[in-house]
PDB file of all heavy atoms in Angstrom:
ATOM      1  N   VAL A   1    -202.376  55.703 170.436  1.00  0.00           N
ATOM      2  CA  VAL A   1    -201.266  55.775 169.486  1.00  0.00           C
ATOM      3  C   VAL A   1    -200.754  54.393 169.097  1.00  0.00           C
ATOM      4  O   VAL A   1    -200.458  54.140 167.923  1.00  0.00           O
ATOM      5  CB  VAL A   1    -200.113  56.624 170.077  1.00  0.00           C
ATOM      6  CG1 VAL A   1    -198.901  56.598 169.166  1.00  0.00           C
ATOM      7  CG2 VAL A   1    -200.584  58.052 170.297  1.00  0.00           C
ATOM      8  N   ALA A   2    -200.636  53.475 170.068  1.00  0.00           N
ATOM      9  CA  ALA A   2    -199.950  52.215 169.778  1.00  0.00           C
ATOM     10  C   ALA A   2    -200.823  50.974 169.936  1.00  0.00           C
ATOM     11  O   ALA A   2    -200.892  50.144 169.022  1.00  0.00           O
ATOM     12  CB  ALA A   2    -198.716  52.095 170.688  1.00  0.00           C
ATOM     13  N   ALA A   3    -201.477  50.823 171.074  1.00  0.00           N
ATOM     14  CA  ALA A   3    -202.164  49.555 171.370  1.00  0.00           C
ATOM     15  C   ALA A   3    -203.259  49.245 170.364  1.00  0.00           C
ATOM     16  O   ALA A   3    -203.449  48.088 169.965  1.00  0.00           O
ATOM     17  CB  ALA A   3    -202.736  49.600 172.782  1.00  0.00           C
ATOM     18  N   GLU A   4    -203.995  50.266 169.932  1.00  0.00           N
ATOM     19  CA  GLU A   4    -205.087  50.034 168.987  1.00  0.00           C
ATOM     20  C   GLU A   4    -204.580  49.420 167.688  1.00  0.00           C
ATOM     21  O   GLU A   4    -205.230  48.560 167.092  1.00  0.00           O
ATOM     22  CB  GLU A   4    -205.796  51.365 168.705  1.00  0.00           C
ATOM     23  CG  GLU A   4    -207.301  51.234 168.645  1.00  0.00           C
ATOM     24  CD  GLU A   4    -208.002  52.572 168.521  1.00  0.00           C
ATOM     25  OE1 GLU A   4    -207.313  53.606 168.466  1.00  0.00           O
ATOM     26  OE2 GLU A   4    -209.233  52.570 168.471  1.00  0.00           O
ATOM     27  N   ARG A   5    -203.402  49.843 167.241  1.00  0.00           N
ATOM     28  CA  ARG A   5    -202.838  49.306 165.998  1.00  0.00           C
ATOM     29  C   ARG A   5    -202.325  47.880 166.179  1.00  0.00           C
ATOM     30  O   ARG A   5    -202.386  47.073 165.252  1.00  0.00           O
ATOM     31  CB  ARG A   5    -201.707  50.220 165.519  1.00  0.00           C
ATOM     32  CG  ARG A   5    -202.160  51.626 165.175  1.00  0.00           C
ATOM     33  CD  ARG A   5    -201.015  52.490 164.692  1.00  0.00           C
ATOM     34  NE  ARG A   5    -201.445  53.851 164.403  1.00  0.00           N
ATOM     35  CZ  ARG A   5    -200.644  54.811 163.978  1.00  0.00           C
ATOM     36  NH1 ARG A   5    -199.343  54.548 163.792  1.00  0.00           N
ATOM     37  NH2 ARG A   5    -201.125  56.026 163.738  1.00  0.00           N
ATOM     38  N   VAL A   6    -201.817  47.586 167.363  1.00  0.00           N
ATOM     39  CA  VAL A   6    -201.293  46.235 167.598  1.00  0.00           C
ATOM     40  C   VAL A   6    -202.399  45.199 167.511  1.00  0.00           C
ATOM     41  O   VAL A   6    -202.206  44.101 166.987  1.00  0.00           O
ATOM     42  CB  VAL A   6    -200.597  46.178 168.975  1.00  0.00           C
ATOM     43  CG1 VAL A   6    -200.190  44.741 169.317  1.00  0.00           C
ATOM     44  CG2 VAL A   6    -199.376  47.086 168.989  1.00  0.00           C
ATOM     45  N   TRP A   7    -203.590  45.541 167.995  1.00  0.00           N
ATOM     46  CA  TRP A   7    -204.705  44.584 167.984  1.00  0.00           C
ATOM     47  C   TRP A   7    -205.606  44.738 166.765  1.00  0.00           C
ATOM     48  O   TRP A   7    -206.645  44.092 166.692  1.00  0.00           O
ATOM     49  CB  TRP A   7    -205.537  44.747 169.254  1.00  0.00           C
ATOM     50  CG  TRP A   7    -205.101  43.869 170.376  1.00  0.00           C
ATOM     51  CD1 TRP A   7    -205.574  42.622 170.683  1.00  0.00           C
ATOM     52  CD2 TRP A   7    -204.096  44.154 171.356  1.00  0.00           C
ATOM     53  NE1 TRP A   7    -204.930  42.125 171.776  1.00  0.00           N
ATOM     54  CE2 TRP A   7    -204.017  43.041 172.224  1.00  0.00           C
ATOM     55  CE3 TRP A   7    -203.247  45.229 171.582  1.00  0.00           C
ATOM     56  CZ2 TRP A   7    -203.133  42.986 173.292  1.00  0.00           C
ATOM     57  CZ3 TRP A   7    -202.363  45.182 172.640  1.00  0.00           C
ATOM     58  CH2 TRP A   7    -202.317  44.079 173.478  1.00  0.00           C
ATOM     59  N   SER A   8    -205.242  45.571 165.804  1.00  0.00           N
ATOM     60  CA  SER A   8    -206.121  45.790 164.658  1.00  0.00           C
ATOM     61  C   SER A   8    -206.211  44.579 163.741  1.00  0.00           C
ATOM     62  O   SER A   8    -207.193  44.419 163.015  1.00  0.00           O
ATOM     63  CB  SER A   8    -205.635  47.009 163.858  1.00  0.00           C
ATOM     64  OG  SER A   8    -204.313  46.772 163.361  1.00  0.00           O
ATOM     65  N   ASP A   9    -205.201  43.722 163.751  1.00  0.00           N
ATOM     66  CA  ASP A   9    -205.177  42.571 162.842  1.00  0.00           C
ATOM     67  C   ASP A   9    -205.273  41.245 163.595  1.00  0.00           C
ATOM     68  O   ASP A   9    -204.865  40.210 163.064  1.00  0.00           O
ATOM     69  CB  ASP A   9    -203.895  42.587 162.007  1.00  0.00           C
ATOM     70  CG  ASP A   9    -202.641  42.558 162.884  1.00  0.00           C
ATOM     71  OD1 ASP A   9    -202.777  42.665 164.117  1.00  0.00           O
ATOM     72  OD2 ASP A   9    -201.530  42.418 162.333  1.00  0.00           O
ATOM     73  N   ASP A  10    -205.800  41.264 164.827  1.00  0.00           N
ATOM     74  CA  ASP A  10    -205.772  40.045 165.634  1.00  0.00           C
ATOM     75  C   ASP A  10    -206.603  38.914 165.034  1.00  0.00           C
ATOM     76  O   ASP A  10    -206.160  37.769 164.992  1.00  0.00           O
ATOM     77  CB  ASP A  10    -206.224  40.334 167.072  1.00  0.00           C
ATOM     78  CG  ASP A  10    -207.557  41.061 167.128  1.00  0.00           C
ATOM     79  OD1 ASP A  10    -208.071  41.421 166.052  1.00  0.00           O
ATOM     80  OD2 ASP A  10    -208.071  41.257 168.235  1.00  0.00           O
ATOM     81  N   GLN A  11    -207.794  39.210 164.507  1.00  0.00           N
ATOM     82  CA  GLN A  11    -208.605  38.142 163.914  1.00  0.00           C
ATOM     83  C   GLN A  11    -208.143  37.800 162.508  1.00  0.00           C
ATOM     84  O   GLN A  11    -208.145  36.631 162.113  1.00  0.00           O
ATOM     85  CB  GLN A  11    -210.080  38.541 163.901  1.00  0.00           C
ATOM     86  CG  GLN A  11    -210.991  37.408 163.419  1.00  0.00           C
ATOM     87  CD  GLN A  11    -212.454  37.717 163.621  1.00  0.00           C
ATOM     88  OE1 GLN A  11    -212.804  38.830 164.007  1.00  0.00           O
ATOM     89  NE2 GLN A  11    -213.309  36.743 163.362  1.00  0.00           N
ATOM     90  N   LYS A  12    -207.717  38.792 161.752  1.00  0.00           N
ATOM     91  CA  LYS A  12    -207.293  38.542 160.368  1.00  0.00           C
ATOM     92  C   LYS A  12    -206.076  37.626 160.320  1.00  0.00           C
ATOM     93  O   LYS A  12    -205.967  36.761 159.444  1.00  0.00           O
ATOM     94  CB  LYS A  12    -206.981  39.875 159.690  1.00  0.00           C
ATOM     95  CG  LYS A  12    -206.560  39.745 158.232  1.00  0.00           C
ATOM     96  CD  LYS A  12    -206.257  41.100 157.642  1.00  0.00           C
ATOM     97  CE  LYS A  12    -205.004  41.701 158.281  1.00  0.00           C
ATOM     98  NZ  LYS A  12    -204.609  42.988 157.634  1.00  0.00           N
ATOM     99  N   ASP A  13    -205.141  37.790 161.268  1.00  0.00           N
ATOM    100  CA  ASP A  13    -203.909  37.000 161.279  1.00  0.00           C
ATOM    101  C   ASP A  13    -203.938  35.853 162.275  1.00  0.00           C
ATOM    102  O   ASP A  13    -202.895  35.318 162.642  1.00  0.00           O
ATOM    103  CB  ASP A  13    -202.712  37.914 161.602  1.00  0.00           C
ATOM    104  CG  ASP A  13    -202.459  38.922 160.490  1.00  0.00           C
ATOM    105  OD1 ASP A  13    -202.918  38.664 159.364  1.00  0.00           O
ATOM    106  OD2 ASP A  13    -201.834  39.966 160.758  1.00  0.00           O
ATOM    107  N   PHE A  14    -205.125  35.474 162.726  1.00  0.00           N
ATOM    108  CA  PHE A  14    -205.272  34.301 163.583  1.00  0.00           C
ATOM    109  C   PHE A  14    -205.392  33.080 162.673  1.00  0.00           C
ATOM    110  O   PHE A  14    -206.442  32.796 162.105  1.00  0.00           O
ATOM    111  CB  PHE A  14    -206.515  34.454 164.468  1.00  0.00           C
ATOM    112  CG  PHE A  14    -206.714  33.343 165.458  1.00  0.00           C
ATOM    113  CD1 PHE A  14    -206.007  33.310 166.651  1.00  0.00           C
ATOM    114  CD2 PHE A  14    -207.630  32.330 165.200  1.00  0.00           C
ATOM    115  CE1 PHE A  14    -206.203  32.294 167.576  1.00  0.00           C
ATOM    116  CE2 PHE A  14    -207.840  31.308 166.116  1.00  0.00           C
ATOM    117  CZ  PHE A  14    -207.120  31.291 167.300  1.00  0.00           C
ATOM    118  N   ASP A  15    -204.302  32.353 162.499  1.00  0.00           N
ATOM    119  CA  ASP A  15    -204.242  31.255 161.536  1.00  0.00           C
ATOM    120  C   ASP A  15    -204.344  29.909 162.237  1.00  0.00           C
ATOM    121  O   ASP A  15    -203.698  29.677 163.264  1.00  0.00           O
ATOM    122  CB  ASP A  15    -202.930  31.299 160.747  1.00  0.00           C
ATOM    123  CG  ASP A  15    -202.851  32.536 159.866  1.00  0.00           C
ATOM    124  OD1 ASP A  15    -203.914  32.978 159.381  1.00  0.00           O
ATOM    125  OD2 ASP A  15    -201.739  33.055 159.674  1.00  0.00           O
ATOM    126  N   CYS A  16    -205.148  29.018 161.656  1.00  0.00           N
ATOM    127  CA  CYS A  16    -205.254  27.634 162.128  1.00  0.00           C
ATOM    128  C   CYS A  16    -204.827  26.708 160.988  1.00  0.00           C
ATOM    129  O   CYS A  16    -205.068  27.011 159.814  1.00  0.00           O
ATOM    130  CB  CYS A  16    -206.683  27.314 162.559  1.00  0.00           C
ATOM    131  SG  CYS A  16    -207.278  28.305 163.961  1.00  0.00           S
ATOM    132  N   ASN A  17    -204.210  25.584 161.357  1.00  0.00           N
ATOM    133  CA  ASN A  17    -203.687  24.669 160.332  1.00  0.00           C
ATOM    134  C   ASN A  17    -204.785  23.750 159.797  1.00  0.00           C
ATOM    135  O   ASN A  17    -204.681  22.520 159.837  1.00  0.00           O
ATOM    136  CB  ASN A  17    -202.509  23.855 160.872  1.00  0.00           C
ATOM    137  CG  ASN A  17    -202.896  23.041 162.098  1.00  0.00           C
ATOM    138  OD1 ASN A  17    -204.008  23.172 162.610  1.00  0.00           O
ATOM    139  ND2 ASN A  17    -201.971  22.215 162.569  1.00  0.00           N
ATOM    140  N   THR A  18    -205.869  24.362 159.349  1.00  0.00           N
ATOM    141  CA  THR A  18    -206.964  23.637 158.714  1.00  0.00           C
ATOM    142  C   THR A  18    -207.708  24.596 157.798  1.00  0.00           C
ATOM    143  O   THR A  18    -207.715  25.813 158.037  1.00  0.00           O
ATOM    144  CB  THR A  18    -207.936  23.062 159.756  1.00  0.00           C
ATOM    145  OG1 THR A  18    -209.000  22.373 159.080  1.00  0.00           O
ATOM    146  CG2 THR A  18    -208.539  24.164 160.611  1.00  0.00           C
ATOM    147  N   ARG A  19    -208.328  24.068 156.772  1.00  0.00           N
ATOM    148  CA  ARG A  19    -209.133  24.873 155.863  1.00  0.00           C
ATOM    149  C   ARG A  19    -210.619  24.647 156.085  1.00  0.00           C
ATOM    150  O   ARG A  19    -211.447  25.076 155.274  1.00  0.00           O
ATOM    151  CB  ARG A  19    -208.770  24.554 154.407  1.00  0.00           C
ATOM    152  CG  ARG A  19    -207.345  24.973 154.034  1.00  0.00           C
ATOM    153  CD  ARG A  19    -207.080  24.770 152.559  1.00  0.00           C
ATOM    154  NE  ARG A  19    -205.743  25.222 152.176  1.00  0.00           N
ATOM    155  CZ  ARG A  19    -205.434  26.469 151.867  1.00  0.00           C
ATOM    156  NH1 ARG A  19    -206.385  27.392 151.905  1.00  0.00           N
ATOM    157  NH2 ARG A  19    -204.200  26.794 151.530  1.00  0.00           N
ATOM    158  N   GLN A  20    -210.969  23.979 157.181  1.00  0.00           N
ATOM    159  CA  GLN A  20    -212.375  23.734 157.478  1.00  0.00           C
ATOM    160  C   GLN A  20    -213.098  25.067 157.685  1.00  0.00           C
ATOM    161  O   GLN A  20    -212.699  25.865 158.528  1.00  0.00           O
ATOM    162  CB  GLN A  20    -212.504  22.884 158.744  1.00  0.00           C
ATOM    163  CG  GLN A  20    -213.928  22.610 159.189  1.00  0.00           C
ATOM    164  CD  GLN A  20    -214.691  21.729 158.207  1.00  0.00           C
ATOM    165  OE1 GLN A  20    -214.092  20.859 157.554  1.00  0.00           O
ATOM    166  NE2 GLN A  20    -215.979  21.951 158.093  1.00  0.00           N
ATOM    167  N   PRO A  21    -214.149  25.365 156.910  1.00  0.00           N
ATOM    168  CA  PRO A  21    -214.859  26.648 157.053  1.00  0.00           C
ATOM    169  C   PRO A  21    -215.432  26.814 158.461  1.00  0.00           C
ATOM    170  O   PRO A  21    -216.046  25.895 159.015  1.00  0.00           O
ATOM    171  CB  PRO A  21    -215.986  26.554 156.006  1.00  0.00           C
ATOM    172  CG  PRO A  21    -215.499  25.543 155.016  1.00  0.00           C
ATOM    173  CD  PRO A  21    -214.691  24.563 155.803  1.00  0.00           C
ATOM    174  N   GLY A  22    -215.213  27.967 159.041  1.00  0.00           N
ATOM    175  CA  GLY A  22    -215.765  28.281 160.361  1.00  0.00           C
ATOM    176  C   GLY A  22    -214.883  27.895 161.516  1.00  0.00           C
ATOM    177  O   GLY A  22    -215.099  28.371 162.640  1.00  0.00           O
ATOM    178  N   CYS A  23    -213.888  27.049 161.315  1.00  0.00           N
ATOM    179  CA  CYS A  23    -213.055  26.577 162.419  1.00  0.00           C
ATOM    180  C   CYS A  23    -212.256  27.728 163.030  1.00  0.00           C
ATOM    181  O   CYS A  23    -212.221  27.893 164.260  1.00  0.00           O
ATOM    182  CB  CYS A  23    -212.121  25.468 161.933  1.00  0.00           C
ATOM    183  SG  CYS A  23    -211.021  24.824 163.225  1.00  0.00           S
ATOM    184  N   SER A  24    -211.635  28.538 162.202  1.00  0.00           N
ATOM    185  CA  SER A  24    -210.826  29.644 162.717  1.00  0.00           C
ATOM    186  C   SER A  24    -211.680  30.648 163.480  1.00  0.00           C
ATOM    187  O   SER A  24    -211.271  31.157 164.546  1.00  0.00           O
ATOM    188  CB  SER A  24    -210.105  30.350 161.565  1.00  0.00           C
ATOM    189  OG  SER A  24    -209.199  29.476 160.923  1.00  0.00           O
ATOM    190  N   ASN A  25    -212.876  30.927 162.972  1.00  0.00           N
ATOM    191  CA  ASN A  25    -213.755  31.886 163.645  1.00  0.00           C
ATOM    192  C   ASN A  25    -214.194  31.380 165.016  1.00  0.00           C
ATOM    193  O   ASN A  25    -214.226  32.137 165.997  1.00  0.00           O
ATOM    194  CB  ASN A  25    -214.989  32.175 162.788  1.00  0.00           C
ATOM    195  CG  ASN A  25    -214.659  32.960 161.536  1.00  0.00           C
ATOM    196  OD1 ASN A  25    -213.659  33.661 161.489  1.00  0.00           O
ATOM    197  ND2 ASN A  25    -215.501  32.831 160.519  1.00  0.00           N
ATOM    198  N   VAL A  26    -214.541  30.107 165.096  1.00  0.00           N
ATOM    199  CA  VAL A  26    -214.986  29.531 166.372  1.00  0.00           C
ATOM    200  C   VAL A  26    -213.847  29.512 167.377  1.00  0.00           C
ATOM    201  O   VAL A  26    -214.028  29.852 168.553  1.00  0.00           O
ATOM    202  CB  VAL A  26    -215.550  28.114 166.144  1.00  0.00           C
ATOM    203  CG1 VAL A  26    -215.779  27.412 167.471  1.00  0.00           C
ATOM    204  CG2 VAL A  26    -216.849  28.176 165.357  1.00  0.00           C
ATOM    205  N   CYS A  27    -212.666  29.111 166.931  1.00  0.00           N
ATOM    206  CA  CYS A  27    -211.518  29.058 167.838  1.00  0.00           C
ATOM    207  C   CYS A  27    -211.122  30.460 168.305  1.00  0.00           C
ATOM    208  O   CYS A  27    -210.776  30.655 169.478  1.00  0.00           O
ATOM    209  CB  CYS A  27    -210.339  28.375 167.149  1.00  0.00           C
ATOM    210  SG  CYS A  27    -210.617  26.614 166.795  1.00  0.00           S
ATOM    211  N   PHE A  28    -211.175  31.428 167.396  1.00  0.00           N
ATOM    212  CA  PHE A  28    -210.834  32.799 167.787  1.00  0.00           C
ATOM    213  C   PHE A  28    -211.819  33.329 168.829  1.00  0.00           C
ATOM    214  O   PHE A  28    -211.420  33.961 169.809  1.00  0.00           O
ATOM    215  CB  PHE A  28    -210.838  33.707 166.551  1.00  0.00           C
ATOM    216  CG  PHE A  28    -210.490  35.133 166.854  1.00  0.00           C
ATOM    217  CD1 PHE A  28    -209.156  35.529 166.926  1.00  0.00           C
ATOM    218  CD2 PHE A  28    -211.486  36.079 167.076  1.00  0.00           C
ATOM    219  CE1 PHE A  28    -208.827  36.847 167.218  1.00  0.00           C
ATOM    220  CE2 PHE A  28    -211.156  37.391 167.367  1.00  0.00           C
ATOM    221  CZ  PHE A  28    -209.826  37.773 167.442  1.00  0.00           C
ATOM    222  N   ASP A  29    -213.102  33.052 168.627  1.00  0.00           N
ATOM    223  CA  ASP A  29    -214.107  33.507 169.580  1.00  0.00           C
ATOM    224  C   ASP A  29    -213.927  32.828 170.941  1.00  0.00           C
ATOM    225  O   ASP A  29    -214.200  33.426 171.978  1.00  0.00           O
ATOM    226  CB  ASP A  29    -215.506  33.216 169.027  1.00  0.00           C
ATOM    227  CG  ASP A  29    -216.602  33.713 169.956  1.00  0.00           C
ATOM    228  OD1 ASP A  29    -216.732  34.941 170.110  1.00  0.00           O
ATOM    229  OD2 ASP A  29    -217.312  32.875 170.541  1.00  0.00           O
ATOM    230  N   HIS A  30    -213.450  31.593 170.931  1.00  0.00           N
ATOM    231  CA  HIS A  30    -213.250  30.859 172.190  1.00  0.00           C
ATOM    232  C   HIS A  30    -212.069  31.426 172.972  1.00  0.00           C
ATOM    233  O   HIS A  30    -212.162  31.614 174.199  1.00  0.00           O
ATOM    234  CB  HIS A  30    -213.015  29.378 171.896  1.00  0.00           C
ATOM    235  CG  HIS A  30    -212.723  28.563 173.118  1.00  0.00           C
ATOM    236  ND1 HIS A  30    -213.676  28.267 174.066  1.00  0.00           N
ATOM    237  CD2 HIS A  30    -211.559  27.992 173.556  1.00  0.00           C
ATOM    238  CE1 HIS A  30    -213.137  27.548 175.023  1.00  0.00           C
ATOM    239  NE2 HIS A  30    -211.856  27.364 174.744  1.00  0.00           N
ATOM    240  N   PHE A  31    -210.972  31.705 172.313  1.00  0.00           N
ATOM    241  CA  PHE A  31    -209.769  32.171 173.001  1.00  0.00           C
ATOM    242  C   PHE A  31    -209.754  33.689 173.198  1.00  0.00           C
ATOM    243  O   PHE A  31    -209.021  34.183 174.051  1.00  0.00           O
ATOM    244  CB  PHE A  31    -208.517  31.734 172.226  1.00  0.00           C
ATOM    245  CG  PHE A  31    -208.269  30.256 172.281  1.00  0.00           C
ATOM    246  CD1 PHE A  31    -208.507  29.454 171.169  1.00  0.00           C
ATOM    247  CD2 PHE A  31    -207.833  29.658 173.442  1.00  0.00           C
ATOM    248  CE1 PHE A  31    -208.294  28.082 171.224  1.00  0.00           C
ATOM    249  CE2 PHE A  31    -207.617  28.296 173.511  1.00  0.00           C
ATOM    250  CZ  PHE A  31    -207.847  27.505 172.395  1.00  0.00           C
ATOM    251  N   PHE A  32    -210.543  34.439 172.407  1.00  0.00           N
ATOM    252  CA  PHE A  32    -210.646  35.882 172.558  1.00  0.00           C
ATOM    253  C   PHE A  32    -212.113  36.273 172.702  1.00  0.00           C
ATOM    254  O   PHE A  32    -212.695  36.863 171.793  1.00  0.00           O
ATOM    255  CB  PHE A  32    -210.027  36.608 171.353  1.00  0.00           C
ATOM    256  CG  PHE A  32    -208.549  36.411 171.208  1.00  0.00           C
ATOM    257  CD1 PHE A  32    -208.046  35.366 170.445  1.00  0.00           C
ATOM    258  CD2 PHE A  32    -207.655  37.260 171.843  1.00  0.00           C
ATOM    259  CE1 PHE A  32    -206.681  35.177 170.313  1.00  0.00           C
ATOM    260  CE2 PHE A  32    -206.288  37.082 171.717  1.00  0.00           C
ATOM    261  CZ  PHE A  32    -205.799  36.040 170.953  1.00  0.00           C
ATOM    262  N   PRO A  33    -212.751  35.925 173.832  1.00  0.00           N
ATOM    263  CA  PRO A  33    -214.178  36.252 173.983  1.00  0.00           C
ATOM    264  C   PRO A  33    -214.446  37.749 173.918  1.00  0.00           C
ATOM    265  O   PRO A  33    -215.479  38.178 173.404  1.00  0.00           O
ATOM    266  CB  PRO A  33    -214.525  35.685 175.369  1.00  0.00           C
ATOM    267  CG  PRO A  33    -213.208  35.553 176.079  1.00  0.00           C
ATOM    268  CD  PRO A  33    -212.189  35.271 175.023  1.00  0.00           C
ATOM    269  N   VAL A  34    -213.529  38.551 174.471  1.00  0.00           N
ATOM    270  CA  VAL A  34    -213.611  40.010 174.371  1.00  0.00           C
ATOM    271  C   VAL A  34    -212.215  40.529 174.059  1.00  0.00           C
ATOM    272  O   VAL A  34    -211.241  40.139 174.703  1.00  0.00           O
ATOM    273  CB  VAL A  34    -214.123  40.645 175.680  1.00  0.00           C
ATOM    274  CG1 VAL A  34    -214.260  42.161 175.507  1.00  0.00           C
ATOM    275  CG2 VAL A  34    -215.462  40.065 176.091  1.00  0.00           C
ATOM    276  N   SER A  35    -212.131  41.408 173.085  1.00  0.00           N
ATOM    277  CA  SER A  35    -210.829  41.942 172.686  1.00  0.00           C
ATOM    278  C   SER A  35    -210.227  42.802 173.798  1.00  0.00           C
ATOM    279  O   SER A  35    -210.940  43.517 174.509  1.00  0.00           O
ATOM    280  CB  SER A  35    -210.983  42.768 171.411  1.00  0.00           C
ATOM    281  OG  SER A  35    -209.782  43.442 171.100  1.00  0.00           O
ATOM    282  N   HIS A  36    -208.903  42.720 173.936  1.00  0.00           N
ATOM    283  CA  HIS A  36    -208.201  43.577 174.890  1.00  0.00           C
ATOM    284  C   HIS A  36    -208.552  45.045 174.662  1.00  0.00           C
ATOM    285  O   HIS A  36    -208.798  45.795 175.611  1.00  0.00           O
ATOM    286  CB  HIS A  36    -206.682  43.412 174.714  1.00  0.00           C
ATOM    287  CG  HIS A  36    -206.132  42.127 175.228  1.00  0.00           C
ATOM    288  ND1 HIS A  36    -206.438  40.918 174.664  1.00  0.00           N
ATOM    289  CD2 HIS A  36    -205.288  41.862 176.274  1.00  0.00           C
ATOM    290  CE1 HIS A  36    -205.785  39.954 175.306  1.00  0.00           C
ATOM    291  NE2 HIS A  36    -205.091  40.500 176.293  1.00  0.00           N
ATOM    292  N   ILE A  37    -208.555  45.438 173.408  1.00  0.00           N
ATOM    293  CA  ILE A  37    -208.701  46.845 173.076  1.00  0.00           C
ATOM    294  C   ILE A  37    -210.074  47.365 173.468  1.00  0.00           C
ATOM    295  O   ILE A  37    -210.225  48.515 173.910  1.00  0.00           O
ATOM    296  CB  ILE A  37    -208.409  47.056 171.565  1.00  0.00           C
ATOM    297  CG1 ILE A  37    -207.788  48.433 171.333  1.00  0.00           C
ATOM    298  CG2 ILE A  37    -209.610  46.861 170.713  1.00  0.00           C
ATOM    299  CD1 ILE A  37    -206.389  48.558 171.849  1.00  0.00           C
ATOM    300  N   ARG A  38    -211.117  46.533 173.334  1.00  0.00           N
ATOM    301  CA  ARG A  38    -212.466  46.964 173.710  1.00  0.00           C
ATOM    302  C   ARG A  38    -212.622  46.992 175.231  1.00  0.00           C
ATOM    303  O   ARG A  38    -213.298  47.874 175.776  1.00  0.00           O
ATOM    304  CB  ARG A  38    -213.497  46.047 173.070  1.00  0.00           C
ATOM    305  CG  ARG A  38    -213.573  46.204 171.554  1.00  0.00           C
ATOM    306  CD  ARG A  38    -214.563  45.250 170.918  1.00  0.00           C
ATOM    307  NE  ARG A  38    -214.619  45.447 169.480  1.00  0.00           N
ATOM    308  CZ  ARG A  38    -213.793  44.897 168.611  1.00  0.00           C
ATOM    309  NH1 ARG A  38    -212.822  44.103 169.039  1.00  0.00           N
ATOM    310  NH2 ARG A  38    -213.909  45.127 167.319  1.00  0.00           N
ATOM    311  N   LEU A  39    -212.009  46.050 175.911  1.00  0.00           N
ATOM    312  CA  LEU A  39    -212.033  46.078 177.374  1.00  0.00           C
ATOM    313  C   LEU A  39    -211.317  47.305 177.912  1.00  0.00           C
ATOM    314  O   LEU A  39    -211.777  47.956 178.861  1.00  0.00           O
ATOM    315  CB  LEU A  39    -211.393  44.803 177.935  1.00  0.00           C
ATOM    316  CG  LEU A  39    -212.279  43.557 178.004  1.00  0.00           C
ATOM    317  CD1 LEU A  39    -211.457  42.362 178.479  1.00  0.00           C
ATOM    318  CD2 LEU A  39    -213.453  43.784 178.952  1.00  0.00           C
ATOM    319  N   TRP A  40    -210.165  47.641 177.324  1.00  0.00           N
ATOM    320  CA  TRP A  40    -209.433  48.832 177.758  1.00  0.00           C
ATOM    321  C   TRP A  40    -210.239  50.096 177.494  1.00  0.00           C
ATOM    322  O   TRP A  40    -210.220  51.031 178.307  1.00  0.00           O
ATOM    323  CB  TRP A  40    -208.081  48.912 177.055  1.00  0.00           C
ATOM    324  CG  TRP A  40    -207.062  48.000 177.643  1.00  0.00           C
ATOM    325  CD1 TRP A  40    -206.984  47.572 178.935  1.00  0.00           C
ATOM    326  CD2 TRP A  40    -205.963  47.389 176.958  1.00  0.00           C
ATOM    327  NE1 TRP A  40    -205.913  46.722 179.105  1.00  0.00           N
ATOM    328  CE2 TRP A  40    -205.267  46.601 177.905  1.00  0.00           C
ATOM    329  CE3 TRP A  40    -205.505  47.421 175.652  1.00  0.00           C
ATOM    330  CZ2 TRP A  40    -204.131  45.864 177.577  1.00  0.00           C
ATOM    331  CZ3 TRP A  40    -204.380  46.685 175.321  1.00  0.00           C
ATOM    332  CH2 TRP A  40    -203.700  45.917 176.278  1.00  0.00           C
TER     333      TRP A  40
END
């Protein structure tokens, strides 16, 4: 009911203060190797 919706936008709203292509994706993968929701 709740947790799945909270993590539904985790990658989309993971913002980095740079426009370098690929930087946000690499950093997100580093800090979130496996999503909470998939582990649960």
